[in-house]
Protein backbone atom coordinates (compact mmCIF):
# COMPACT_ATOMS: atom_id res chain seq x y z
CA MET A 1 63.29 94.90 150.52
CA SER A 2 62.14 91.78 151.68
CA ASN A 3 62.00 87.96 149.81
CA ILE A 4 58.85 86.66 151.66
CA ILE A 5 57.72 83.02 150.32
CA TYR A 6 53.81 82.42 151.51
CA ILE A 7 53.34 79.17 151.72
CA GLN A 8 49.64 78.19 151.87
CA ALA A 9 48.81 74.35 153.03
CA SER A 10 45.07 75.07 152.66
CA PRO A 11 43.38 73.77 149.29
CA ARG A 12 40.19 75.53 150.76
CA GLY A 13 40.46 79.06 149.61
CA ALA A 14 38.06 81.53 151.00
CA ARG A 15 36.91 78.77 153.65
CA SER A 16 40.04 78.42 154.99
CA HIS A 17 40.57 79.89 158.65
CA SER A 18 44.60 79.72 158.42
CA LEU A 19 44.60 81.13 154.92
CA ALA A 20 42.28 83.98 156.32
CA VAL A 21 45.01 85.01 159.30
CA ALA A 22 47.83 84.69 156.87
CA ASP A 23 46.36 87.12 154.22
CA ALA A 24 45.39 89.43 156.58
CA PHE A 25 49.43 89.23 157.73
CA VAL A 26 50.47 89.20 154.33
CA ASN A 27 48.35 92.17 153.38
CA THR A 28 49.50 94.13 156.79
CA LEU A 29 53.24 93.47 155.33
CA LYS A 30 52.40 94.94 151.92
CA THR A 31 51.63 98.16 153.70
CA VAL A 32 55.05 98.12 155.88
CA ASP A 33 57.15 97.16 153.09
CA GLU A 34 55.68 98.53 149.82
CA LYS A 35 58.56 96.86 147.64
CA ALA A 36 58.42 93.48 149.06
CA ASN A 37 58.89 90.52 146.55
CA ILE A 38 55.97 88.08 147.93
CA GLN A 39 55.85 84.93 146.38
CA ILE A 40 52.59 82.78 146.79
CA TYR A 41 53.05 78.77 147.02
CA LYS A 42 49.86 76.99 146.58
CA LEU A 43 51.14 73.78 147.49
CA HIS A 44 47.80 71.87 146.23
CA GLU A 45 48.42 73.19 143.30
CA MET A 46 51.97 73.24 142.51
CA SER A 47 53.67 70.12 140.99
CA LEU A 48 56.78 69.34 143.15
CA PRO A 49 59.42 66.92 142.24
CA GLU A 50 58.45 63.58 143.51
CA LEU A 51 61.06 61.77 145.92
CA ASP A 52 60.85 58.04 143.71
CA ASN A 53 63.67 55.94 143.55
CA ASP A 54 65.03 57.64 140.59
CA THR A 55 65.36 60.77 142.22
CA LEU A 56 66.83 59.21 145.44
CA VAL A 57 68.95 57.30 143.66
CA GLY A 58 70.26 60.19 141.84
CA LYS A 59 70.82 62.07 144.66
CA TYR A 60 73.10 59.94 146.83
CA ASN A 61 75.03 59.09 143.23
CA ILE A 62 75.87 62.77 142.98
CA MET A 63 76.39 63.41 146.64
CA HIS A 64 78.87 60.54 146.67
CA GLY A 65 80.49 61.42 143.26
CA ARG A 66 79.59 57.93 142.03
CA GLU A 67 78.49 57.77 137.81
CA PHE A 68 74.92 58.90 137.45
CA THR A 69 72.74 59.31 134.48
CA ASP A 70 71.04 62.25 132.66
CA SER A 71 67.70 61.34 133.85
CA GLU A 72 68.94 60.87 137.60
CA LYS A 73 70.94 64.57 137.02
CA GLU A 74 66.87 65.89 135.36
CA LYS A 75 65.26 64.58 138.61
CA TRP A 76 67.54 65.91 141.44
CA SER A 77 67.99 68.89 139.53
CA ALA A 78 64.49 69.54 139.91
CA VAL A 79 64.25 69.30 143.75
CA GLU A 80 67.57 71.63 143.94
CA THR A 81 65.47 74.10 142.48
CA VAL A 82 63.13 73.96 144.98
CA ILE A 83 65.07 74.08 147.79
CA HIS A 84 67.23 76.99 146.16
CA ASP A 85 64.10 79.15 145.95
CA PHE A 86 63.13 78.33 149.06
CA LYS A 87 66.52 79.70 150.61
CA LYS A 88 66.12 82.47 148.63
CA ALA A 89 63.27 83.99 150.97
CA ASP A 90 64.66 86.04 154.19
CA LYS A 91 61.05 85.98 155.62
CA LEU A 92 58.27 83.03 155.23
CA VAL A 93 54.65 82.76 155.72
CA PHE A 94 52.90 79.66 156.12
CA ALA A 95 49.19 78.82 156.71
CA ILE A 96 48.69 75.66 157.89
CA PRO A 97 45.29 73.84 159.24
CA MET A 98 45.09 70.51 161.59
CA TRP A 99 44.33 67.54 159.33
CA ASN A 100 44.20 64.51 161.52
CA PHE A 101 46.22 65.95 164.50
CA SER A 102 49.24 66.77 162.03
CA ILE A 103 49.91 68.50 158.62
CA PRO A 104 48.21 68.49 155.45
CA TYR A 105 49.78 66.01 153.23
CA LYS A 106 51.21 68.45 150.46
CA LEU A 107 52.83 70.29 153.18
CA LYS A 108 54.98 67.33 154.31
CA HIS A 109 55.95 66.47 150.88
CA PHE A 110 57.53 70.13 150.36
CA MET A 111 58.93 69.74 153.88
CA ASP A 112 60.23 66.33 152.78
CA ILE A 113 61.85 67.83 149.32
CA ILE A 114 63.36 71.15 151.44
CA ALA A 115 65.28 68.82 154.08
CA GLN A 116 68.42 68.34 152.30
CA PRO A 117 71.56 67.34 154.08
CA THR A 118 74.55 69.62 152.98
CA TYR A 119 71.69 72.01 151.14
CA THR A 120 69.75 72.80 154.35
CA PHE A 121 71.48 71.22 156.96
CA GLN A 122 74.34 69.77 158.09
CA VAL A 123 76.25 67.10 160.67
CA GLY A 124 79.50 68.60 162.36
CA PRO A 125 81.02 68.15 165.70
CA ASN A 126 78.16 69.50 167.49
CA GLY A 127 75.76 67.44 165.74
CA TYR A 128 73.26 68.14 163.20
CA GLU A 129 73.40 72.20 161.93
CA GLY A 130 70.97 74.18 160.40
CA LEU A 131 71.95 76.27 157.40
CA VAL A 132 68.67 78.21 156.54
CA SER A 133 67.90 81.68 158.05
CA ALA A 134 64.58 83.30 157.57
CA LYS A 135 62.24 85.06 159.89
CA THR A 136 59.07 83.18 160.06
CA PHE A 137 55.46 83.97 160.50
CA ILE A 138 52.69 80.84 160.78
CA ALA A 139 49.00 81.16 161.03
CA TYR A 140 47.62 77.60 162.45
CA SER A 141 44.03 76.43 162.27
CA ARG A 142 42.75 73.56 164.34
CA GLY A 143 38.60 72.07 164.27
CA GLY A 144 39.17 71.32 168.35
CA ALA A 145 41.18 73.27 171.12
CA TYR A 146 44.35 72.14 171.98
CA GLU A 147 46.52 73.42 174.55
CA ASP A 148 50.36 73.74 173.75
CA GLY A 149 51.90 70.49 174.74
CA SER A 150 48.85 68.56 173.91
CA ALA A 151 49.07 64.99 173.13
CA PHE A 152 46.96 65.57 170.36
CA ASP A 153 49.53 68.73 168.85
CA PHE A 154 51.57 67.24 165.93
CA GLN A 155 50.81 70.08 163.89
CA ALA A 156 52.65 72.75 165.70
CA SER A 157 55.38 70.67 167.57
CA TYR A 158 56.02 69.10 164.40
CA VAL A 159 56.61 72.09 162.30
CA LYS A 160 58.56 74.35 165.25
CA HIS A 161 60.88 71.09 165.92
CA TYR A 162 61.43 70.75 161.86
CA LEU A 163 62.10 74.37 161.35
CA GLY A 164 64.48 74.38 163.96
CA PHE A 165 66.33 71.50 162.56
CA ILE A 166 67.00 73.53 159.07
CA GLY A 167 68.07 76.41 160.96
CA ILE A 168 64.81 78.62 161.79
CA THR A 169 64.32 79.62 164.78
CA ASP A 170 63.14 82.91 164.73
CA ILE A 171 59.22 82.02 164.73
CA GLN A 172 55.92 83.80 165.57
CA SER A 173 52.65 82.22 165.22
CA VAL A 174 49.10 82.30 165.94
CA THR A 175 46.36 79.95 166.19
CA VAL A 176 42.58 80.06 165.18
CA GLN A 177 40.86 77.21 167.54
CA PRO A 178 38.14 75.83 167.45
CA THR A 179 37.19 75.97 163.90
CA LEU A 180 34.44 72.76 164.47
CA ALA A 181 33.65 71.68 167.83
CA GLY A 182 32.40 75.07 169.36
CA GLY A 183 30.16 75.77 166.18
CA PRO A 184 29.98 78.62 163.48
CA ASP A 185 30.17 81.81 165.93
CA ALA A 186 32.91 80.51 168.21
CA ALA A 187 35.01 79.83 164.68
CA LEU A 188 34.15 83.48 163.73
CA LYS A 189 35.35 85.08 167.08
CA ALA A 190 38.21 82.82 166.79
CA GLN A 191 39.36 83.65 163.95
CA GLU A 192 38.74 87.38 164.46
CA GLN A 193 41.03 87.47 167.30
CA ALA A 194 43.75 85.81 165.49
CA ILE A 195 43.84 88.21 162.45
CA ASN A 196 44.08 91.38 165.31
CA GLN A 197 47.03 89.37 166.49
CA ALA A 198 48.52 88.49 163.27
CA ILE A 199 48.04 92.35 161.95
CA GLU A 200 49.96 93.53 165.18
CA ILE A 201 52.83 91.21 164.63
CA ALA A 202 53.03 91.94 161.07
CA LYS A 203 53.18 95.80 161.43
CA SER A 204 57.03 94.69 163.15
CA PHE A 205 57.82 91.71 161.41
């Protein structure tokens, strides 16, 4: 039985191309592994811990063995809970639209919570070392059409770098593009092609 976390970075529900593809992927996974435990993180509906001053003061006090207040401990414990739940997953699924050539702010918030030293990465003799291992599928969507390595892509390039930093390198992805620039017919065609690709990947994921 797999522990799967499905992270939805789009708030657009049925109008979201990335969600349509990721949903098809997850639905196929359910047929392959009927006992899979799937948690859905709707990031725009979640109350994520704030990385405010008190939380970060608590973080460094606790990490460096200094005295800390009950309030600081409580705030940092909320961050730890998110990290520990994330690390239980052996498979991750992301639905990520491109916003302003990058990623939605709620996803960045989530990623900033997860990337913490000694929890998801550490520094050793050979530099940074990731501490997370999870097979990962990502459904991207973009209003325009951008080739790999495009100067306009701070979406997939950043996500790949971030995941590799925390140790996740087994990554497969599909992209729906363009969802706006080519008109509605082109968007639907691109979505259909991406869904078909996602289904095939899910069969052996």
